[in-house]
Protein backbone atom coordinates (compact mmCIF):
# COMPACT_ATOMS: atom_id res chain seq x y z
CA MET A 1 -38.19 -73.82 45.55
CA SER A 2 -41.08 -73.86 43.26
CA ARG A 3 -43.02 -70.85 45.57
CA ILE A 4 -39.13 -68.82 45.00
CA LYS A 5 -40.01 -69.75 41.40
CA ILE A 6 -43.35 -68.40 41.05
CA ASP A 7 -42.48 -65.01 43.32
CA GLU A 8 -39.91 -64.23 40.50
CA GLU A 9 -41.86 -64.28 37.54
CA GLU A 10 -44.63 -63.12 39.53
CA TYR A 11 -42.27 -59.73 40.71
CA TRP A 12 -40.89 -59.63 36.95
CA ASN A 13 -44.50 -59.53 35.04
CA SER A 14 -46.17 -56.98 37.52
CA SER A 15 -43.18 -54.31 37.52
CA LYS A 16 -43.83 -51.44 35.95
CA PHE A 17 -39.61 -51.06 33.73
CA LYS A 18 -39.84 -53.73 30.99
CA ALA A 19 -37.53 -56.33 30.48
CA PHE A 20 -34.60 -55.12 27.47
CA THR A 21 -35.49 -57.08 24.49
CA PHE A 22 -33.75 -56.58 20.66
CA ASP A 23 -37.48 -57.44 19.03
CA ASP A 24 -39.19 -54.18 20.71
CA GLU A 25 -39.55 -51.73 18.61
CA ASP A 26 -41.27 -49.13 20.48
CA ASP A 27 -37.54 -49.15 22.47
CA ASP A 28 -35.92 -45.79 22.56
CA LEU A 29 -32.85 -47.03 21.61
CA PHE A 30 -34.22 -48.91 18.53
CA GLN A 31 -35.77 -45.32 17.73
CA LEU A 32 -32.92 -43.16 17.65
CA LYS A 33 -31.37 -45.85 15.06
CA GLU A 34 -34.11 -45.59 13.17
CA SER A 35 -33.96 -41.77 12.66
CA LYS A 36 -30.37 -41.87 11.82
CA ARG A 37 -30.41 -44.60 9.56
CA ALA A 38 -33.20 -41.96 8.40
CA VAL A 39 -30.91 -38.80 8.52
CA ASN A 40 -27.61 -40.72 6.19
CA SER A 41 -30.34 -41.84 3.93
CA LEU A 42 -30.93 -38.58 2.98
CA ARG A 43 -27.23 -37.95 2.28
CA ASP A 44 -27.43 -40.24 -0.65
CA ILE A 45 -30.09 -38.64 -2.35
CA VAL A 46 -28.35 -34.93 -1.90
CA ASP A 47 -25.53 -34.59 -4.75
CA ASP A 48 -21.86 -34.99 -3.00
CA ASP A 49 -20.72 -31.80 -4.64
CA ASP A 50 -23.89 -29.18 -3.22
CA ASP A 51 -22.35 -27.16 -0.83
CA LEU A 52 -26.20 -26.72 0.85
CA GLU A 53 -25.04 -26.81 5.14
CA LYS A 54 -26.87 -30.33 6.58
CA TYR A 55 -28.79 -29.85 9.63
CA SER A 56 -30.01 -33.10 11.92
CA TRP A 57 -33.35 -33.32 13.03
CA SER A 58 -32.90 -31.32 16.37
CA GLY A 59 -32.25 -27.67 14.04
CA GLU A 60 -27.89 -28.37 14.46
CA PRO A 61 -25.75 -27.87 11.77
CA VAL A 62 -24.26 -31.41 10.91
CA GLY A 63 -20.69 -31.60 11.62
CA SER A 64 -21.40 -28.73 14.62
CA ILE A 65 -19.54 -28.04 17.83
CA SER A 66 -23.32 -28.61 19.44
CA TRP A 67 -24.06 -31.30 17.52
CA SER A 68 -21.49 -33.40 17.69
CA ILE A 69 -22.05 -32.66 22.13
CA LYS A 70 -25.93 -34.05 21.24
CA GLU A 71 -25.54 -36.39 19.69
CA THR A 72 -22.65 -37.66 21.95
CA SER A 73 -24.32 -37.31 25.31
CA SER A 74 -27.61 -38.41 23.63
CA SER A 75 -26.14 -41.48 22.31
CA SER A 76 -24.70 -42.05 25.96
CA ARG A 77 -27.61 -41.78 28.00
CA SER A 78 -29.69 -43.73 26.02
CA ALA A 79 -26.65 -47.05 26.47
CA GLY A 80 -27.17 -45.88 30.37
CA GLU A 81 -30.86 -46.57 29.88
CA VAL A 82 -30.78 -49.82 28.69
CA ARG A 83 -27.74 -50.77 31.32
CA ASN A 84 -29.93 -49.71 33.58
CA GLN A 85 -33.24 -52.20 32.33
CA GLY A 86 -30.86 -54.81 32.92
CA GLN A 87 -29.43 -53.77 35.72
CA GLN A 88 -33.26 -53.48 37.79
CA ARG A 89 -33.41 -56.96 38.19
CA SER A 90 -30.68 -57.66 40.23
CA GLN A 91 -30.80 -54.12 42.14
CA SER A 92 -34.85 -54.96 43.03
CA ASN A 93 -33.84 -57.25 45.48
CA ALA A 94 -30.94 -55.29 46.88
CA SER A 95 -33.44 -51.96 47.42
CA ALA A 96 -32.99 -52.18 50.81
CA PHE A 97 -29.65 -50.51 50.44
CA PRO A 98 -30.02 -48.20 48.71
CA LEU A 99 -26.86 -46.62 47.33
CA SER A 100 -25.32 -43.03 46.41
CA LYS A 101 -25.72 -41.59 42.67
CA GLN A 102 -22.70 -40.91 40.92
CA GLU A 103 -22.35 -37.95 39.62
CA SER A 104 -21.57 -37.99 35.77
CA SER A 105 -17.54 -37.51 34.68
CA TYR A 106 -18.54 -36.15 31.80
CA SER A 107 -20.53 -33.13 31.02
CA LEU A 108 -20.53 -30.48 28.88
CA SER A 109 -19.84 -28.05 31.75
CA SER A 110 -16.17 -30.11 32.06
CA LEU A 111 -15.46 -29.94 29.08
CA PHE A 112 -15.60 -26.51 28.55
CA LYS A 113 -14.08 -25.25 32.07
CA GLY A 114 -11.92 -27.87 32.08
CA LEU A 115 -12.58 -29.42 35.36
CA ASN A 116 -10.69 -32.55 36.33
CA LYS A 117 -11.92 -35.50 37.78
CA PRO A 118 -10.89 -39.27 38.11
CA GLY A 119 -12.08 -40.91 34.95
CA SER A 120 -13.36 -37.51 33.69
CA LEU A 121 -12.27 -35.41 29.81
CA ASN A 122 -10.16 -32.69 29.91
CA SER A 123 -11.19 -30.68 27.51
CA LEU A 124 -13.14 -30.74 24.84
CA SER A 125 -10.48 -32.11 22.34
CA ASP A 126 -10.54 -35.24 24.46
CA ALA A 127 -13.72 -36.29 23.73
CA PHE A 128 -13.97 -35.67 20.13
CA THR A 129 -10.48 -38.07 21.18
CA ASP A 130 -10.89 -40.27 22.84
CA THR A 131 -11.82 -44.08 21.49
CA SER A 132 -14.07 -45.44 24.26
CA VAL A 133 -16.54 -42.10 23.28
CA LYS A 134 -18.64 -44.31 20.92
CA SER A 135 -20.02 -40.47 18.14
CA PHE A 136 -22.66 -41.16 15.79
CA ALA A 137 -21.48 -38.63 14.09
CA PRO A 138 -21.81 -39.68 10.19
CA GLU A 139 -18.57 -38.69 8.22
CA LEU A 140 -18.32 -35.61 6.40
CA ARG A 141 -17.81 -36.25 2.42
CA ARG A 142 -15.69 -33.82 0.25
CA PRO A 143 -16.58 -32.92 -2.91
CA LYS A 144 -16.46 -35.31 -5.68
CA ALA A 145 -14.80 -32.13 -8.09
CA GLU A 146 -12.00 -31.60 -5.34
CA TYR A 147 -10.93 -34.80 -5.12
CA GLN A 148 -10.22 -34.52 -8.52
CA ASP A 149 -8.33 -31.00 -8.41
CA TYR A 150 -6.13 -32.95 -5.52
CA GLY A 151 -5.41 -36.05 -8.33
CA GLY A 152 -5.66 -34.95 -11.59
CA ASP A 153 -2.62 -35.17 -13.31
CA TRP A 154 -2.34 -32.55 -15.58
CA ASN A 155 -0.05 -31.49 -18.76
CA ILE A 156 1.47 -28.23 -19.36
CA GLU A 157 -1.63 -26.89 -20.70
CA ASP A 158 -3.54 -28.10 -18.03
CA THR A 159 -1.52 -26.84 -15.19
CA VAL A 160 -1.09 -22.92 -16.52
CA ARG A 161 -4.41 -22.82 -17.62
CA ARG A 162 -5.11 -23.71 -14.15
CA MET A 163 -2.74 -20.87 -13.01
CA LYS A 164 -4.63 -18.50 -14.76
CA ARG A 165 -7.81 -19.65 -13.47
CA GLY A 166 -7.06 -19.79 -10.04
CA LYS A 167 -7.35 -23.69 -9.04
CA VAL A 168 -5.51 -26.25 -7.34
CA TYR A 169 -1.88 -27.20 -9.12
CA SER A 170 1.43 -28.58 -8.71
CA LEU A 171 4.60 -27.44 -10.46
CA GLU A 172 6.77 -30.52 -8.62
CA ARG A 173 6.09 -33.58 -10.95
CA PHE A 174 7.71 -31.35 -13.76
CA ARG A 175 11.15 -32.51 -12.97
CA SER A 176 13.05 -32.51 -16.45
CA LEU A 177 15.32 -28.78 -17.74
CA LYS A 178 12.42 -29.49 -20.83
CA ASP A 179 9.67 -29.34 -19.19
CA LYS A 180 10.17 -26.73 -17.00
CA LEU A 181 11.56 -24.51 -20.09
CA GLN A 182 8.44 -25.82 -21.51
CA LEU A 183 6.16 -24.44 -18.60
CA LEU A 184 7.40 -20.75 -18.96
CA ASP A 185 7.18 -21.06 -22.71
CA GLU A 186 3.58 -21.35 -22.43
CA ALA A 187 3.30 -19.48 -19.56
CA VAL A 188 4.57 -16.50 -21.35
CA ARG A 189 1.91 -17.54 -24.38
CA MET A 190 -0.63 -16.85 -21.63
CA HIS A 191 0.06 -13.47 -21.61
CA ASP A 192 -0.55 -13.30 -17.95
CA GLY A 193 1.61 -12.25 -15.66
CA ASN A 194 1.07 -13.43 -12.58
CA VAL A 195 1.56 -16.91 -13.74
CA ILE A 196 4.89 -16.54 -14.96
CA THR A 197 6.02 -14.86 -12.33
CA ALA A 198 4.61 -18.19 -10.74
CA VAL A 199 6.60 -20.25 -13.44
CA LEU A 200 9.68 -18.27 -12.53
CA ILE A 201 10.02 -18.37 -8.65
CA PHE A 202 10.13 -22.10 -9.92
CA LEU A 203 12.55 -22.28 -11.86
CA LYS A 204 14.93 -19.93 -9.76
CA ARG A 205 14.12 -22.80 -6.97
CA THR A 206 14.55 -26.05 -9.10
CA LEU A 207 17.40 -24.34 -11.43
CA SER A 208 20.76 -23.66 -11.12
CA MET A 209 21.77 -20.10 -11.63
CA GLU A 210 23.92 -20.04 -14.64
CA ILE A 211 21.72 -22.36 -16.47
CA PHE A 212 18.91 -20.00 -15.56
CA PHE A 213 20.14 -16.80 -16.66
CA ARG A 214 21.22 -18.49 -19.96
CA GLU A 215 17.32 -19.50 -21.05
CA LEU A 216 15.41 -16.17 -19.84
CA GLU A 217 18.78 -14.20 -21.67
CA VAL A 218 16.49 -16.32 -24.94
CA ARG A 219 13.01 -15.28 -23.22
CA PRO A 220 13.04 -11.22 -23.51
CA VAL A 221 9.54 -11.29 -21.80
CA ALA A 222 10.94 -13.92 -18.82
CA LEU A 223 13.17 -11.67 -18.84
CA GLN A 224 12.16 -8.28 -18.05
CA HIS A 225 8.64 -9.88 -15.39
CA PHE A 226 12.13 -11.64 -13.74
CA ILE A 227 13.87 -8.01 -13.22
CA HIS A 228 11.03 -6.24 -11.97
CA PHE A 229 9.71 -9.69 -9.87
CA LEU A 230 13.51 -8.94 -8.06
CA ARG A 231 13.56 -5.18 -8.17
CA GLU A 232 9.33 -5.54 -5.56
CA ILE A 233 11.31 -8.20 -3.35
CA ASP A 234 14.98 -5.55 -3.47
CA ASP A 235 16.42 -8.84 -4.04
CA GLN A 236 20.32 -6.98 -4.91
CA LYS A 237 22.15 -9.65 -5.40
CA ILE A 238 20.90 -11.99 -7.78
CA LEU A 239 19.82 -8.88 -9.23
CA ARG A 240 23.43 -7.61 -9.94
CA ASP A 241 24.31 -11.49 -10.77
CA LEU A 242 21.64 -11.67 -13.79
CA PHE A 243 22.95 -7.87 -14.46
CA ARG A 244 27.27 -9.02 -14.83
CA PHE A 245 25.91 -12.72 -16.69
CA LEU A 246 23.69 -10.40 -19.00
CA GLU A 247 27.09 -7.76 -19.34
CA ARG A 248 24.76 -4.55 -18.94
CA VAL A 249 27.01 -2.72 -17.27
CA GLU A 250 25.66 0.71 -16.98
CA GLU A 251 22.12 -1.18 -15.33
CA LEU A 252 24.58 -2.46 -12.86
CA ALA A 253 26.54 0.24 -11.89
CA LEU A 254 22.73 1.79 -11.25
CA SER A 255 21.72 -0.93 -9.26
CA VAL A 256 24.45 -0.44 -6.61
CA TYR A 257 23.96 3.14 -7.10
CA ARG A 258 20.20 2.89 -5.43
CA GLU A 259 21.29 0.98 -2.61
CA HIS A 260 22.61 5.00 -0.97
CA LEU A 261 18.48 5.38 -0.68
CA ASN A 262 18.90 2.48 2.35
CA ILE A 263 20.90 4.55 3.97
CA SER A 264 19.28 6.78 6.79
CA ASN A 265 22.31 8.83 8.02
CA ALA A 266 24.03 11.78 5.85
CA GLU A 267 27.62 10.90 6.64
CA GLU A 268 27.52 6.85 5.85
CA ARG A 269 25.29 8.11 2.84
CA ARG A 270 28.12 10.65 1.83
CA ASP A 271 30.96 8.10 2.43
CA PHE A 272 28.96 5.85 -0.25
CA LEU A 273 28.49 7.94 -2.86
CA LYS A 274 32.44 8.52 -2.55
CA THR A 275 33.87 5.02 -2.19
CA LYS A 276 30.97 3.11 -4.26
CA CYS A 277 29.42 4.72 -6.23
CA ILE A 278 31.73 7.56 -7.66
CA GLY A 279 33.91 5.05 -10.82
CA LEU A 280 31.33 3.55 -11.79
CA PRO A 281 31.30 2.52 -15.49
CA PHE A 282 27.99 5.19 -15.94
CA SER A 283 28.02 6.91 -19.10
CA ALA A 284 29.49 10.60 -19.03
CA ASP A 285 26.17 13.02 -18.42
CA ASP A 286 25.53 10.23 -15.53
CA ALA A 287 28.96 10.35 -14.26
CA ALA A 288 28.80 13.93 -13.79
CA HIS A 289 25.41 13.04 -11.76
CA ILE A 290 26.76 11.37 -9.10
CA GLU A 291 29.99 13.58 -8.64
CA ASP A 292 27.33 16.88 -8.19
CA HIS A 293 25.22 14.41 -5.18
CA TYR A 294 28.10 13.73 -3.45
CA THR A 295 29.43 17.63 -3.32
CA LEU A 296 25.65 18.55 -2.84
CA LEU A 297 25.29 16.36 -0.09
CA GLU A 298 29.02 17.28 1.48
CA ARG A 299 27.07 20.93 1.36
CA GLN A 300 24.39 20.16 2.46
CA ILE A 301 25.82 18.57 6.08
CA ILE A 302 28.03 21.49 6.41
CA ILE A 303 25.58 23.93 5.88
CA GLU A 304 22.95 21.95 8.56
CA ALA A 305 25.60 21.67 11.02
CA ASN A 306 26.20 25.69 11.01
CA ASP A 307 22.78 26.62 10.54
CA LYS A 308 21.02 24.90 13.40
CA HIS A 309 24.62 26.04 15.83
CA LEU A 310 22.96 30.30 14.66
CA GLU A 311 19.87 28.91 14.96
CA ALA A 312 19.80 27.29 18.59
CA SER A 313 22.38 30.92 19.32
CA GLY A 314 19.65 33.02 18.43
CA GLN A 315 22.36 35.53 17.10
CA GLU A 316 21.05 35.71 13.08
CA GLU A 317 17.54 37.62 12.66
CA ILE A 318 16.60 35.56 10.07
CA PHE A 319 16.40 32.47 11.97
CA ARG A 320 14.46 34.42 15.02
CA LYS A 321 11.98 36.14 12.05
CA HIS A 322 11.66 32.51 9.92
CA PRO A 323 12.26 29.50 11.78
CA ARG A 324 13.79 26.71 10.31
CA LYS A 325 11.25 23.56 9.40
CA ALA A 326 13.07 21.05 8.19
CA SER A 327 16.07 20.08 8.01
CA ILE A 328 17.86 20.52 4.72
CA LEU A 329 19.60 17.24 4.20
CA PHE A 330 19.33 14.93 1.35
CA MET A 331 17.13 17.38 -0.42
CA PRO A 332 17.49 18.44 -3.84
CA LEU A 333 19.47 21.28 -5.99
CA VAL A 334 16.81 23.37 -6.49
CA THR A 335 15.05 22.99 -2.77
CA THR A 336 18.61 23.75 -1.18
CA LEU A 337 18.84 26.62 -3.63
CA PHE A 338 15.58 27.72 -2.52
CA TYR A 339 16.19 27.91 1.31
CA SER A 340 19.35 29.60 0.40
CA CYS A 341 17.84 32.09 -0.57
CA ILE A 342 16.19 32.30 2.06
CA TYR A 343 18.38 32.59 5.11
CA HIS A 344 22.05 33.33 3.20
CA TYR A 345 20.94 35.56 -0.14
CA THR A 346 23.03 38.56 1.12
CA GLU A 347 26.80 36.30 1.59
CA GLY A 348 29.58 36.51 -1.37
CA GLU A 349 30.19 34.47 -3.65
CA GLY A 350 33.11 32.44 -1.58
CA THR A 351 30.76 30.73 0.83
CA PHE A 352 29.69 27.32 0.16
CA SER A 353 25.73 28.52 1.21
CA SER A 354 25.34 31.46 -0.96
CA PRO A 355 23.11 30.70 -3.71
CA ALA A 356 26.25 32.63 -6.61
CA ASN A 357 27.98 29.99 -5.25
CA LEU A 358 25.35 26.77 -5.10
CA LYS A 359 24.10 28.49 -9.22
CA LYS A 360 28.48 28.64 -10.21
CA THR A 361 28.97 25.12 -8.60
CA PHE A 362 26.12 23.80 -9.94
CA ARG A 363 25.45 25.24 -13.44
CA ILE A 364 22.80 26.18 -12.52
CA PRO A 365 20.17 27.41 -15.75
CA GLU A 366 19.59 30.93 -15.16
CA LYS A 367 16.11 30.37 -15.44
CA GLN A 368 15.59 28.05 -13.17
CA TYR A 369 18.02 30.47 -10.26
CA VAL A 370 16.10 33.71 -11.33
CA LEU A 371 12.56 31.67 -10.76
CA THR A 372 14.01 30.14 -7.53
CA ALA A 373 15.10 33.29 -6.28
CA LEU A 374 12.50 35.92 -7.06
CA ALA A 375 10.02 33.23 -5.32
CA ALA A 376 12.05 33.27 -1.79
CA ARG A 377 12.74 36.74 -1.49
CA ALA A 378 8.37 37.56 -2.98
CA LYS A 379 8.02 35.52 -0.02
CA LEU A 380 9.78 37.48 2.72
CA ARG A 381 8.49 40.27 0.61
CA ALA A 382 12.08 41.96 -0.08
CA TRP A 383 10.81 44.02 -3.09
CA HIS A 384 14.23 45.36 -3.30
CA ASP A 385 15.60 42.60 -4.17
CA VAL A 386 12.98 41.38 -6.46
CA ASP A 387 14.26 45.03 -8.04
CA ALA A 388 17.31 44.49 -8.28
CA LEU A 389 17.41 40.96 -9.65
CA PHE A 390 15.72 41.96 -12.96
CA THR A 391 17.87 45.21 -13.12
CA THR A 392 20.64 44.72 -15.64
CA LYS A 393 23.87 48.06 -16.44
CA ASN A 394 25.07 48.09 -20.09
CA TRP A 395 28.71 49.15 -20.97
CA LEU A 396 27.64 52.78 -21.05
CA GLY A 397 25.82 52.32 -17.09
CA TYR A 398 22.62 52.48 -17.93
CA THR A 399 20.00 50.68 -15.65
CA LYS A 400 17.96 48.11 -17.67
CA LYS A 401 15.23 45.62 -16.30
CA LYS A 402 15.00 42.06 -17.70
CA ALA A 403 13.86 39.75 -16.91
CA PRO A 404 14.44 35.96 -18.93
CA ILE A 405 11.56 34.21 -17.49
CA GLY A 406 9.24 37.05 -19.38
CA PHE A 407 7.71 39.04 -17.01
CA HIS A 408 4.77 37.84 -17.58
CA ARG A 409 5.98 34.65 -14.51
CA VAL A 410 7.67 37.43 -12.72
CA VAL A 411 4.19 39.45 -12.10
CA GLU A 412 2.18 35.51 -11.70
CA ILE A 413 4.75 34.61 -8.97
CA LEU A 414 4.35 38.17 -7.52
CA ASN A 415 0.82 38.26 -7.08
CA LYS A 416 0.67 34.64 -5.60
CA ASN A 417 3.31 35.96 -2.82
CA SER A 418 0.68 39.11 -2.25
CA ALA A 419 2.52 41.58 -3.69
CA PRO A 420 1.05 44.85 -3.44
CA VAL A 421 -0.92 46.69 -6.80
CA GLN A 422 2.09 48.70 -6.09
CA VAL A 423 4.70 46.83 -7.28
CA LEU A 424 2.86 44.78 -10.03
CA GLN A 425 1.80 47.72 -11.76
CA ASP A 426 5.26 48.21 -12.22
CA TYR A 427 6.32 44.61 -13.82
CA VAL A 428 3.12 44.53 -16.00
CA ARG A 429 3.81 47.35 -16.90
CA LEU A 430 6.68 45.93 -18.71
CA VAL A 431 5.14 43.00 -20.49
CA ASP A 432 5.93 43.79 -24.50
CA ASP A 433 2.51 42.51 -25.99
CA VAL A 434 -0.14 44.66 -25.84
CA ASP A 435 -2.94 41.97 -25.70
CA LEU A 436 -1.16 40.23 -23.29
CA ARG A 437 -0.15 43.18 -21.14
CA LEU A 438 -4.18 44.22 -20.78
CA ASN A 439 -5.29 40.75 -19.54
CA ILE A 440 -2.63 40.63 -16.93
CA ALA A 441 -3.86 44.00 -16.01
CA ILE A 442 -7.77 43.25 -15.89
CA LYS A 443 -6.83 40.48 -14.46
CA TYR A 444 -4.96 41.18 -11.45
CA LYS A 445 -7.21 45.04 -11.05
CA CYS A 446 -3.81 47.21 -11.97
CA HIS A 447 -6.04 50.11 -13.17
CA ASN A 448 -3.68 53.05 -14.33
CA VAL A 449 -2.11 50.37 -16.21
CA VAL A 450 -5.30 49.33 -18.51
CA ILE A 451 -6.01 53.26 -18.80
CA ASP A 452 -2.40 54.30 -20.40
CA THR A 453 -2.44 51.02 -22.42
CA TYR A 454 -6.13 52.71 -23.56
CA LYS A 455 -4.68 55.85 -24.03
CA ASP A 456 -1.65 54.82 -26.06
CA LEU A 457 -3.63 52.70 -28.38
CA LYS A 458 -6.66 56.05 -29.08
CA ASP A 459 -9.20 53.79 -27.78
CA ARG A 460 -11.48 56.43 -26.81
CA HIS A 461 -14.66 53.44 -26.98
CA GLN A 462 -13.06 50.80 -25.07
CA LEU A 463 -11.80 53.81 -22.32
CA MET A 464 -15.13 54.80 -21.33
CA VAL A 465 -16.23 51.15 -21.49
CA TYR A 466 -13.93 50.73 -18.41
CA ARG A 467 -15.21 54.03 -16.74
CA CYS A 468 -18.06 52.09 -16.05
CA LYS A 469 -16.44 49.03 -13.90
CA VAL A 470 -14.21 51.11 -11.72
CA ASP A 471 -15.27 52.84 -8.73
CA ARG A 472 -17.55 55.87 -8.83
CA ASN A 473 -15.38 58.82 -7.57
CA SER A 474 -13.07 57.10 -7.16
CA PRO A 475 -8.97 57.79 -8.75
CA GLU A 476 -9.24 55.80 -11.71
CA GLU A 477 -12.64 57.59 -12.56
CA GLU A 478 -11.46 61.43 -12.19
CA LYS A 479 -8.25 60.44 -14.37
CA ILE A 480 -10.29 58.55 -17.49
CA ASP A 481 -12.44 61.95 -17.45
CA HIS A 482 -9.57 63.68 -17.50
CA ILE A 483 -7.86 61.97 -20.88
CA LEU A 484 -11.78 62.08 -22.24
CA SER A 485 -11.52 65.63 -21.97
CA ASN A 486 -7.81 66.25 -23.15
CA LEU A 487 -8.96 67.34 -27.03
CA GLN A 488 -5.02 67.34 -27.86
CA ILE A 489 -5.77 63.73 -28.04
CA ARG A 490 -6.59 62.12 -31.72
CA TRP A 491 -8.98 59.35 -30.99
CA LYS A 492 -9.05 56.26 -33.17
CA ASN A 493 -13.20 56.06 -32.44
């Protein structure tokens, strides 16, 4: 019996493995604990408010996924080594009966691949939530300033100041009506629109509408911000209730009228204007505008249906030469008049689509009508219609050209539509002011007009100067030479 005891002591003293002791300072687990204790002691040295990222001895950022996995796996290996050293005593006697090595049920690949093994973890999140796995990761504490932001007990002035600076704030602690109104007054005093809007949203949510509207009525700045906010979010219901409370009749009517913009169907929009908008308490001018809007849309629906049919059938030449590029629906009055001058210029006043009918129905001023008709007919290069537009007869039957917009404007519009020089010259001659006529004629190279104007002015010197600007051996040069050789003209210079 004593012999067996001696043999066991010789076996343990001669083994290449060392027995586990808590006092062995060369042990790997002891070194690991010491290194982690050193890392944790550094955290006390660094200021808590420092935002610099912390790194472990392995070079991984503290708190990252890779760092946590390495820490967990290393601790598991260290604990496994300790258990293996203790188990060597019993396994040495049973070395004659070798056992197969069990595979680890916890690995990095199984975490990411989601492999399910008996007793294994199903996901990476399970590795951090499983209480059986001991983690040595140090706790990351929040900065002290952040704790102060969430835990502060601020008064009204401090709260508004924090709102203006974009810091964390809470309005829920202001529960009394007095505190809420003081909060709104303080926000208005700070002259910050974002802060005022945020406080208004809080009051809208926590106060009854009657009390809220009553307090806004005596605070014009806050009221204007709230009206603008409602229009931005398109909350028409509360906006109308507010206008009713404030007895702003015209603004209430205008809010109702604006709803037609949200209706995309032409017939539905026309019916809305007729049933909901005509008769609203607008001023006299605005009420007439609403009626004109309804009438114009009704005309556009009729014209659109008729022209769409004519264009599809190909019966009208104007639609074949100049196909329509867009629908006439929802277009302004001036655009509708331009469209009518393009496709329905020759129609009589009795038809809805004729320009004369539109001019009479909607009381279009003469200048606006002439400008629009001139641009439309010049675009089609219908110079005869342009000429007829400015030709008038007096009571004796004499014809005369007259332009309510001024012939200098006529020349500009004709030039934009690439009118020939001969057409331009006819209208440049009709400009009454001599200096303006000369400038326009020189600008658009109406040489005959310049030559005749200098001749009428008897300015020989300017005529000779202009002779150098025309082409050599051109008809204009010959005309200048003929005028200069005329001895009957008494030149001023």
